[in-house]
Amino acid sequence: MTSEQKGWKEIPIAGVCWRPATDYLTGDWKTLKPVRDKEKCNKCLICYMFCPDGAVTWDPEIEDIGFNLDYCKGCGICAVECPKKAIEMVHE
């Protein structure tokens, strides 16, 4: 007998999620989203390293950074950690 696993929306308050964030599309609960100023950004990838959900992406073919808003929760860690202040959190 197999039971369907609950998504993050069905987990009770203070419940523990037993699966990684990449198993869910968790970006629908954010109120802020990251916007990068390409002129300020030096592509140091600190935002990539600090993102707790893997929502900052690096495309090696075009050597550029992006944001996967399907997984971004709008926490703003990327903006806080950016040494060039190239990321701003804006309301969706």
PDB file of N, CA and C in Angstrom:
ATOM      1  N   MET A   1       0.854  -1.169   0.000  1.00  0.00           N
ATOM      2  CA  MET A   1       0.000   0.000   0.000  1.00  0.00           C
ATOM      3  C   MET A   1       0.904   1.237   0.000  1.00  0.00           C
ATOM      4  N   THR A   2       0.683   2.135  -0.916  1.00  0.00           N
ATOM      5  CA  THR A   2       1.451   3.381  -0.965  1.00  0.00           C
ATOM      6  C   THR A   2       0.513   4.536  -0.674  1.00  0.00           C
ATOM      7  N   SER A   3       1.003   5.492   0.041  1.00  0.00           N
ATOM      8  CA  SER A   3       0.210   6.687   0.319  1.00  0.00           C
ATOM      9  C   SER A   3       0.860   7.866  -0.378  1.00  0.00           C
ATOM     10  N   GLU A   4       0.048   8.774  -0.823  1.00  0.00           N
ATOM     11  CA  GLU A   4       0.563   9.968  -1.485  1.00  0.00           C
ATOM     12  C   GLU A   4       1.209  10.876  -0.448  1.00  0.00           C
ATOM     13  N   GLN A   5       2.420  11.358  -0.760  1.00  0.00           N
ATOM     14  CA  GLN A   5       3.096  12.252   0.165  1.00  0.00           C
ATOM     15  C   GLN A   5       2.476  13.632   0.089  1.00  0.00           C
ATOM     16  N   LYS A   6       2.383  14.266   1.237  1.00  0.00           N
ATOM     17  CA  LYS A   6       1.802  15.594   1.310  1.00  0.00           C
ATOM     18  C   LYS A   6       2.774  16.635   0.768  1.00  0.00           C
ATOM     19  N   GLY A   7       2.243  17.662   0.125  1.00  0.00           N
ATOM     20  CA  GLY A   7       3.040  18.795  -0.311  1.00  0.00           C
ATOM     21  C   GLY A   7       3.238  19.752   0.849  1.00  0.00           C
ATOM     22  N   TRP A   8       4.034  20.789   0.636  1.00  0.00           N
ATOM     23  CA  TRP A   8       4.331  21.714   1.729  1.00  0.00           C
ATOM     24  C   TRP A   8       3.099  22.431   2.231  1.00  0.00           C
ATOM     25  N   LYS A   9       2.071  22.602   1.384  1.00  0.00           N
ATOM     26  CA  LYS A   9       0.862  23.307   1.814  1.00  0.00           C
ATOM     27  C   LYS A   9       0.034  22.477   2.796  1.00  0.00           C
ATOM     28  N   GLU A  10       0.186  21.181   2.748  1.00  0.00           N
ATOM     29  CA  GLU A  10      -0.588  20.306   3.638  1.00  0.00           C
ATOM     30  C   GLU A  10       0.109  20.005   4.958  1.00  0.00           C
ATOM     31  N   ILE A  11       1.363  20.402   5.093  1.00  0.00           N
ATOM     32  CA  ILE A  11       2.093  20.152   6.335  1.00  0.00           C
ATOM     33  C   ILE A  11       1.560  21.109   7.407  1.00  0.00           C
ATOM     34  N   PRO A  12       1.233  20.621   8.597  1.00  0.00           N
ATOM     35  CA  PRO A  12       0.699  21.501   9.644  1.00  0.00           C
ATOM     36  C   PRO A  12       1.723  22.546  10.093  1.00  0.00           C
ATOM     37  N   ILE A  13       1.226  23.623  10.652  1.00  0.00           N
ATOM     38  CA  ILE A  13       2.097  24.672  11.176  1.00  0.00           C
ATOM     39  C   ILE A  13       3.086  24.047  12.152  1.00  0.00           C
ATOM     40  N   ALA A  14       4.344  24.421  12.012  1.00  0.00           N
ATOM     41  CA  ALA A  14       5.461  23.897  12.808  1.00  0.00           C
ATOM     42  C   ALA A  14       5.794  22.450  12.442  1.00  0.00           C
ATOM     43  N   GLY A  15       5.192  21.947  11.383  1.00  0.00           N
ATOM     44  CA  GLY A  15       5.531  20.608  10.917  1.00  0.00           C
ATOM     45  C   GLY A  15       6.905  20.615  10.281  1.00  0.00           C
ATOM     46  N   VAL A  16       7.496  19.467  10.177  1.00  0.00           N
ATOM     47  CA  VAL A  16       8.829  19.346   9.603  1.00  0.00           C
ATOM     48  C   VAL A  16       8.713  18.768   8.208  1.00  0.00           C
ATOM     49  N   CYS A  17       9.312  19.456   7.263  1.00  0.00           N
ATOM     50  CA  CYS A  17       9.333  18.981   5.891  1.00  0.00           C
ATOM     51  C   CYS A  17      10.462  17.972   5.758  1.00  0.00           C
ATOM     52  N   TRP A  18      10.184  16.806   5.264  1.00  0.00           N
ATOM     53  CA  TRP A  18      11.174  15.752   5.192  1.00  0.00           C
ATOM     54  C   TRP A  18      11.770  15.618   3.796  1.00  0.00           C
ATOM     55  N   ARG A  19      11.396  16.497   2.894  1.00  0.00           N
ATOM     56  CA  ARG A  19      11.918  16.459   1.542  1.00  0.00           C
ATOM     57  C   ARG A  19      12.581  17.794   1.213  1.00  0.00           C
ATOM     58  N   PRO A  20      13.547  17.796   0.303  1.00  0.00           N
ATOM     59  CA  PRO A  20      14.218  19.057  -0.032  1.00  0.00           C
ATOM     60  C   PRO A  20      13.290  20.015  -0.767  1.00  0.00           C
ATOM     61  N   ALA A  21      13.613  21.294  -0.703  1.00  0.00           N
ATOM     62  CA  ALA A  21      12.787  22.321  -1.328  1.00  0.00           C
ATOM     63  C   ALA A  21      12.652  22.111  -2.834  1.00  0.00           C
ATOM     64  N   THR A  22      13.642  21.485  -3.450  1.00  0.00           N
ATOM     65  CA  THR A  22      13.582  21.269  -4.897  1.00  0.00           C
ATOM     66  C   THR A  22      12.539  20.227  -5.292  1.00  0.00           C
ATOM     67  N   ASP A  23      11.954  19.533  -4.326  1.00  0.00           N
ATOM     68  CA  ASP A  23      10.870  18.601  -4.620  1.00  0.00           C
ATOM     69  C   ASP A  23       9.514  19.300  -4.727  1.00  0.00           C
ATOM     70  N   TYR A  24       9.449  20.565  -4.358  1.00  0.00           N
ATOM     71  CA  TYR A  24       8.203  21.324  -4.370  1.00  0.00           C
ATOM     72  C   TYR A  24       8.409  22.605  -5.166  1.00  0.00           C
ATOM     73  N   LEU A  25       7.350  23.126  -5.699  1.00  0.00           N
ATOM     74  CA  LEU A  25       7.383  24.481  -6.248  1.00  0.00           C
ATOM     75  C   LEU A  25       6.941  25.393  -5.115  1.00  0.00           C
ATOM     76  N   THR A  26       7.913  25.894  -4.361  1.00  0.00           N
ATOM     77  CA  THR A  26       7.611  26.660  -3.151  1.00  0.00           C
ATOM     78  C   THR A  26       7.576  28.161  -3.391  1.00  0.00           C
ATOM     79  N   GLY A  27       7.826  28.598  -4.604  1.00  0.00           N
ATOM     80  CA  GLY A  27       7.901  30.021  -4.887  1.00  0.00           C
ATOM     81  C   GLY A  27       6.579  30.756  -4.832  1.00  0.00           C
ATOM     82  N   ASP A  28       5.465  30.036  -4.739  1.00  0.00           N
ATOM     83  CA  ASP A  28       4.166  30.710  -4.744  1.00  0.00           C
ATOM     84  C   ASP A  28       3.790  31.331  -3.403  1.00  0.00           C
ATOM     85  N   TRP A  29       4.627  31.220  -2.405  1.00  0.00           N
ATOM     86  CA  TRP A  29       4.306  31.816  -1.106  1.00  0.00           C
ATOM     87  C   TRP A  29       5.124  33.059  -0.815  1.00  0.00           C
ATOM     88  N   LYS A  30       5.892  33.537  -1.787  1.00  0.00           N
ATOM     89  CA  LYS A  30       6.709  34.728  -1.548  1.00  0.00           C
ATOM     90  C   LYS A  30       5.918  35.997  -1.821  1.00  0.00           C
ATOM     91  N   THR A  31       6.328  37.073  -1.178  1.00  0.00           N
ATOM     92  CA  THR A  31       5.754  38.391  -1.461  1.00  0.00           C
ATOM     93  C   THR A  31       6.790  39.293  -2.113  1.00  0.00           C
ATOM     94  N   LEU A  32       8.072  38.932  -1.958  1.00  0.00           N
ATOM     95  CA  LEU A  32       9.155  39.692  -2.566  1.00  0.00           C
ATOM     96  C   LEU A  32       9.915  38.799  -3.534  1.00  0.00           C
ATOM     97  N   LYS A  33      10.445  39.409  -4.585  1.00  0.00           N
ATOM     98  CA  LYS A  33      11.265  38.640  -5.523  1.00  0.00           C
ATOM     99  C   LYS A  33      12.558  39.405  -5.794  1.00  0.00           C
ATOM    100  N   PRO A  34      13.633  38.681  -6.105  1.00  0.00           N
ATOM    101  CA  PRO A  34      14.906  39.335  -6.372  1.00  0.00           C
ATOM    102  C   PRO A  34      14.969  39.886  -7.800  1.00  0.00           C
ATOM    103  N   VAL A  35      15.522  41.080  -7.917  1.00  0.00           N
ATOM    104  CA  VAL A  35      15.773  41.683  -9.224  1.00  0.00           C
ATOM    105  C   VAL A  35      17.235  42.116  -9.218  1.00  0.00           C
ATOM    106  N   ARG A  36      17.974  41.673 -10.224  1.00  0.00           N
ATOM    107  CA  ARG A  36      19.412  41.942 -10.283  1.00  0.00           C
ATOM    108  C   ARG A  36      19.712  43.095 -11.222  1.00  0.00           C
ATOM    109  N   ASP A  37      20.569  43.986 -10.768  1.00  0.00           N
ATOM    110  CA  ASP A  37      21.073  45.077 -11.600  1.00  0.00           C
ATOM    111  C   ASP A  37      22.323  44.551 -12.299  1.00  0.00           C
ATOM    112  N   LYS A  38      22.209  44.277 -13.587  1.00  0.00           N
ATOM    113  CA  LYS A  38      23.311  43.667 -14.336  1.00  0.00           C
ATOM    114  C   LYS A  38      24.529  44.581 -14.425  1.00  0.00           C
ATOM    115  N   GLU A  39      24.318  45.882 -14.285  1.00  0.00           N
ATOM    116  CA  GLU A  39      25.445  46.828 -14.334  1.00  0.00           C
ATOM    117  C   GLU A  39      26.305  46.730 -13.073  1.00  0.00           C
ATOM    118  N   LYS A  40      25.673  46.487 -11.930  1.00  0.00           N
ATOM    119  CA  LYS A  40      26.403  46.392 -10.663  1.00  0.00           C
ATOM    120  C   LYS A  40      26.999  45.003 -10.437  1.00  0.00           C
ATOM    121  N   CYS A  41      26.350  43.995 -10.962  1.00  0.00           N
ATOM    122  CA  CYS A  41      26.726  42.603 -10.693  1.00  0.00           C
ATOM    123  C   CYS A  41      28.062  42.251 -11.345  1.00  0.00           C
ATOM    124  N   ASN A  42      28.961  41.655 -10.549  1.00  0.00           N
ATOM    125  CA  ASN A  42      30.240  41.188 -11.092  1.00  0.00           C
ATOM    126  C   ASN A  42      30.288  39.664 -11.200  1.00  0.00           C
ATOM    127  N   LYS A  43      29.143  39.026 -11.013  1.00  0.00           N
ATOM    128  CA  LYS A  43      28.982  37.569 -11.153  1.00  0.00           C
ATOM    129  C   LYS A  43      29.915  36.789 -10.227  1.00  0.00           C
ATOM    130  N   CYS A  44      30.021  37.245  -9.003  1.00  0.00           N
ATOM    131  CA  CYS A  44      30.875  36.581  -8.013  1.00  0.00           C
ATOM    132  C   CYS A  44      30.264  35.275  -7.503  1.00  0.00           C
ATOM    133  N   LEU A  45      28.967  35.111  -7.690  1.00  0.00           N
ATOM    134  CA  LEU A  45      28.208  33.912  -7.305  1.00  0.00           C
ATOM    135  C   LEU A  45      28.022  33.733  -5.800  1.00  0.00           C
ATOM    136  N   ILE A  46      28.237  34.778  -5.041  1.00  0.00           N
ATOM    137  CA  ILE A  46      27.968  34.687  -3.601  1.00  0.00           C
ATOM    138  C   ILE A  46      26.469  34.451  -3.378  1.00  0.00           C
ATOM    139  N   CYS A  47      25.631  35.087  -4.170  1.00  0.00           N
ATOM    140  CA  CYS A  47      24.183  34.871  -4.064  1.00  0.00           C
ATOM    141  C   CYS A  47      23.842  33.400  -4.311  1.00  0.00           C
ATOM    142  N   TYR A  48      24.501  32.813  -5.276  1.00  0.00           N
ATOM    143  CA  TYR A  48      24.311  31.401  -5.634  1.00  0.00           C
ATOM    144  C   TYR A  48      24.682  30.501  -4.447  1.00  0.00           C
ATOM    145  N   MET A  49      25.793  30.816  -3.799  1.00  0.00           N
ATOM    146  CA  MET A  49      26.259  29.993  -2.684  1.00  0.00           C
ATOM    147  C   MET A  49      25.376  30.125  -1.447  1.00  0.00           C
ATOM    148  N   PHE A  50      24.791  31.304  -1.219  1.00  0.00           N
ATOM    149  CA  PHE A  50      24.012  31.532  -0.004  1.00  0.00           C
ATOM    150  C   PHE A  50      22.531  31.177  -0.139  1.00  0.00           C
ATOM    151  N   CYS A  51      22.027  31.032  -1.347  1.00  0.00           N
ATOM    152  CA  CYS A  51      20.593  30.747  -1.513  1.00  0.00           C
ATOM    153  C   CYS A  51      20.240  29.403  -0.877  1.00  0.00           C
ATOM    154  N   PRO A  52      19.357  29.397   0.131  1.00  0.00           N
ATOM    155  CA  PRO A  52      19.034  28.148   0.822  1.00  0.00           C
ATOM    156  C   PRO A  52      18.169  27.203  -0.003  1.00  0.00           C
ATOM    157  N   ASP A  53      17.605  27.687  -1.099  1.00  0.00           N
ATOM    158  CA  ASP A  53      16.694  26.849  -1.882  1.00  0.00           C
ATOM    159  C   ASP A  53      17.180  26.552  -3.288  1.00  0.00           C
ATOM    160  N   GLY A  54      18.383  26.959  -3.608  1.00  0.00           N
ATOM    161  CA  GLY A  54      18.898  26.700  -4.948  1.00  0.00           C
ATOM    162  C   GLY A  54      18.154  27.460  -6.030  1.00  0.00           C
ATOM    163  N   ALA A  55      17.566  28.597  -5.671  1.00  0.00           N
ATOM    164  CA  ALA A  55      16.774  29.377  -6.621  1.00  0.00           C
ATOM    165  C   ALA A  55      17.619  30.309  -7.476  1.00  0.00           C
ATOM    166  N   VAL A  56      18.863  30.542  -7.074  1.00  0.00           N
ATOM    167  CA  VAL A  56      19.775  31.326  -7.905  1.00  0.00           C
ATOM    168  C   VAL A  56      20.450  30.334  -8.850  1.00  0.00           C
ATOM    169  N   THR A  57      20.402  30.618 -10.122  1.00  0.00           N
ATOM    170  CA  THR A  57      20.939  29.689 -11.114  1.00  0.00           C
ATOM    171  C   THR A  57      22.133  30.304 -11.828  1.00  0.00           C
ATOM    172  N   TRP A  58      22.999  29.455 -12.309  1.00  0.00           N
ATOM    173  CA  TRP A  58      24.161  29.873 -13.089  1.00  0.00           C
ATOM    174  C   TRP A  58      24.128  29.103 -14.406  1.00  0.00           C
ATOM    175  N   ASP A  59      24.134  29.829 -15.499  1.00  0.00           N
ATOM    176  CA  ASP A  59      24.150  29.224 -16.829  1.00  0.00           C
ATOM    177  C   ASP A  59      25.569  29.355 -17.382  1.00  0.00           C
ATOM    178  N   PRO A  60      26.333  28.264 -17.406  1.00  0.00           N
ATOM    179  CA  PRO A  60      27.718  28.351 -17.854  1.00  0.00           C
ATOM    180  C   PRO A  60      27.867  28.672 -19.343  1.00  0.00           C
ATOM    181  N   GLU A  61      26.858  28.355 -20.129  1.00  0.00           N
ATOM    182  CA  GLU A  61      26.942  28.641 -21.566  1.00  0.00           C
ATOM    183  C   GLU A  61      26.959  30.135 -21.862  1.00  0.00           C
ATOM    184  N   ILE A  62      26.143  30.889 -21.128  1.00  0.00           N
ATOM    185  CA  ILE A  62      26.118  32.341 -21.342  1.00  0.00           C
ATOM    186  C   ILE A  62      26.810  33.090 -20.203  1.00  0.00           C
ATOM    187  N   GLU A  63      27.314  32.321 -19.245  1.00  0.00           N
ATOM    188  CA  GLU A  63      27.994  32.865 -18.073  1.00  0.00           C
ATOM    189  C   GLU A  63      27.186  33.980 -17.417  1.00  0.00           C
ATOM    190  N   ASP A  64      25.976  33.598 -16.994  1.00  0.00           N
ATOM    191  CA  ASP A  64      25.105  34.585 -16.370  1.00  0.00           C
ATOM    192  C   ASP A  64      24.270  33.948 -15.268  1.00  0.00           C
ATOM    193  N   ILE A  65      23.813  34.807 -14.381  1.00  0.00           N
ATOM    194  CA  ILE A  65      23.011  34.425 -13.221  1.00  0.00           C
ATOM    195  C   ILE A  65      21.537  34.650 -13.538  1.00  0.00           C
ATOM    196  N   GLY A  66      20.699  33.802 -12.956  1.00  0.00           N
ATOM    197  CA  GLY A  66      19.262  33.966 -13.070  1.00  0.00           C
ATOM    198  C   GLY A  66      18.605  33.558 -11.766  1.00  0.00           C
ATOM    199  N   PHE A  67      17.304  33.714 -11.701  1.00  0.00           N
ATOM    200  CA  PHE A  67      16.545  33.323 -10.518  1.00  0.00           C
ATOM    201  C   PHE A  67      15.414  32.407 -10.954  1.00  0.00           C
ATOM    202  N   ASN A  68      15.308  31.259 -10.336  1.00  0.00           N
ATOM    203  CA  ASN A  68      14.198  30.353 -10.594  1.00  0.00           C
ATOM    204  C   ASN A  68      13.104  30.708  -9.591  1.00  0.00           C
ATOM    205  N   LEU A  69      12.150  31.501 -10.034  1.00  0.00           N
ATOM    206  CA  LEU A  69      11.107  32.001  -9.138  1.00  0.00           C
ATOM    207  C   LEU A  69      10.112  30.919  -8.723  1.00  0.00           C
ATOM    208  N   ASP A  70      10.185  29.738  -9.345  1.00  0.00           N
ATOM    209  CA  ASP A  70       9.355  28.618  -8.895  1.00  0.00           C
ATOM    210  C   ASP A  70       9.790  28.134  -7.516  1.00  0.00           C
ATOM    211  N   TYR A  71      11.075  28.357  -7.176  1.00  0.00           N
ATOM    212  CA  TYR A  71      11.612  27.899  -5.896  1.00  0.00           C
ATOM    213  C   TYR A  71      11.988  29.028  -4.950  1.00  0.00           C
ATOM    214  N   CYS A  72      12.156  30.230  -5.456  1.00  0.00           N
ATOM    215  CA  CYS A  72      12.533  31.367  -4.614  1.00  0.00           C
ATOM    216  C   CYS A  72      11.412  31.673  -3.621  1.00  0.00           C
ATOM    217  N   LYS A  73      11.767  31.751  -2.345  1.00  0.00           N
ATOM    218  CA  LYS A  73      10.788  32.044  -1.299  1.00  0.00           C
ATOM    219  C   LYS A  73      10.777  33.514  -0.909  1.00  0.00           C
ATOM    220  N   GLY A  74      11.644  34.307  -1.535  1.00  0.00           N
ATOM    221  CA  GLY A  74      11.667  35.738  -1.251  1.00  0.00           C
ATOM    222  C   GLY A  74      12.322  36.096   0.064  1.00  0.00           C
ATOM    223  N   CYS A  75      13.231  35.269   0.537  1.00  0.00           N
ATOM    224  CA  CYS A  75      13.856  35.508   1.847  1.00  0.00           C
ATOM    225  C   CYS A  75      14.812  36.701   1.835  1.00  0.00           C
ATOM    226  N   GLY A  76      15.408  36.995   0.682  1.00  0.00           N
ATOM    227  CA  GLY A  76      16.296  38.142   0.569  1.00  0.00           C
ATOM    228  C   GLY A  76      17.731  37.902   0.986  1.00  0.00           C
ATOM    229  N   ILE A  77      18.094  36.669   1.291  1.00  0.00           N
ATOM    230  CA  ILE A  77      19.474  36.381   1.677  1.00  0.00           C
ATOM    231  C   ILE A  77      20.422  36.765   0.547  1.00  0.00           C
ATOM    232  N   CYS A  78      20.026  36.513  -0.685  1.00  0.00           N
ATOM    233  CA  CYS A  78      20.883  36.852  -1.823  1.00  0.00           C
ATOM    234  C   CYS A  78      21.167  38.353  -1.864  1.00  0.00           C
ATOM    235  N   ALA A  79      20.160  39.162  -1.600  1.00  0.00           N
ATOM    236  CA  ALA A  79      20.327  40.621  -1.623  1.00  0.00           C
ATOM    237  C   ALA A  79      21.202  41.103  -0.472  1.00  0.00           C
ATOM    238  N   VAL A  80      21.027  40.507   0.699  1.00  0.00           N
ATOM    239  CA  VAL A  80      21.811  40.899   1.873  1.00  0.00           C
ATOM    240  C   VAL A  80      23.277  40.538   1.688  1.00  0.00           C
ATOM    241  N   GLU A  81      23.546  39.381   1.133  1.00  0.00           N
ATOM    242  CA  GLU A  81      24.918  38.893   1.002  1.00  0.00           C
ATOM    243  C   GLU A  81      25.653  39.461  -0.214  1.00  0.00           C
ATOM    244  N   CYS A  82      24.961  40.056  -1.150  1.00  0.00           N
ATOM    245  CA  CYS A  82      25.599  40.582  -2.362  1.00  0.00           C
ATOM    246  C   CYS A  82      26.545  41.734  -2.013  1.00  0.00           C
ATOM    247  N   PRO A  83      27.856  41.576  -2.261  1.00  0.00           N
ATOM    248  CA  PRO A  83      28.801  42.628  -1.897  1.00  0.00           C
ATOM    249  C   PRO A  83      28.664  43.887  -2.757  1.00  0.00           C
ATOM    250  N   LYS A  84      28.079  43.776  -3.919  1.00  0.00           N
ATOM    251  CA  LYS A  84      27.916  44.920  -4.818  1.00  0.00           C
ATOM    252  C   LYS A  84      26.527  45.554  -4.693  1.00  0.00           C
ATOM    253  N   LYS A  85      25.674  44.987  -3.843  1.00  0.00           N
ATOM    254  CA  LYS A  85      24.289  45.454  -3.679  1.00  0.00           C
ATOM    255  C   LYS A  85      23.580  45.502  -5.042  1.00  0.00           C
ATOM    256  N   ALA A  86      23.807  44.442  -5.826  1.00  0.00           N
ATOM    257  CA  ALA A  86      23.252  44.357  -7.171  1.00  0.00           C
ATOM    258  C   ALA A  86      21.881  43.688  -7.202  1.00  0.00           C
ATOM    259  N   ILE A  87      21.430  43.195  -6.053  1.00  0.00           N
ATOM    260  CA  ILE A  87      20.124  42.522  -5.981  1.00  0.00           C
ATOM    261  C   ILE A  87      19.209  43.312  -5.067  1.00  0.00           C
ATOM    262  N   GLU A  88      18.037  43.612  -5.580  1.00  0.00           N
ATOM    263  CA  GLU A  88      17.026  44.314  -4.806  1.00  0.00           C
ATOM    264  C   GLU A  88      15.797  43.436  -4.700  1.00  0.00           C
ATOM    265  N   MET A  89      15.205  43.386  -3.524  1.00  0.00           N
ATOM    266  CA  MET A  89      13.977  42.621  -3.322  1.00  0.00           C
ATOM    267  C   MET A  89      12.799  43.571  -3.569  1.00  0.00           C
ATOM    268  N   VAL A  90      11.930  43.194  -4.513  1.00  0.00           N
ATOM    269  CA  VAL A  90      10.788  44.022  -4.866  1.00  0.00           C
ATOM    270  C   VAL A  90       9.497  43.219  -4.682  1.00  0.00           C
ATOM    271  N   HIS A  91       8.407  43.936  -4.416  1.00  0.00           N
ATOM    272  CA  HIS A  91       7.104  43.273  -4.274  1.00  0.00           C
ATOM    273  C   HIS A  91       6.673  42.699  -5.610  1.00  0.00           C
ATOM    274  N   GLU A  92       6.088  41.509  -5.537  1.00  0.00           N
ATOM    275  CA  GLU A  92       5.609  40.870  -6.773  1.00  0.00           C
ATOM    276  C   GLU A  92       4.399  41.581  -7.301  1.00  0.00           C
TER     277      GLU A  92
END
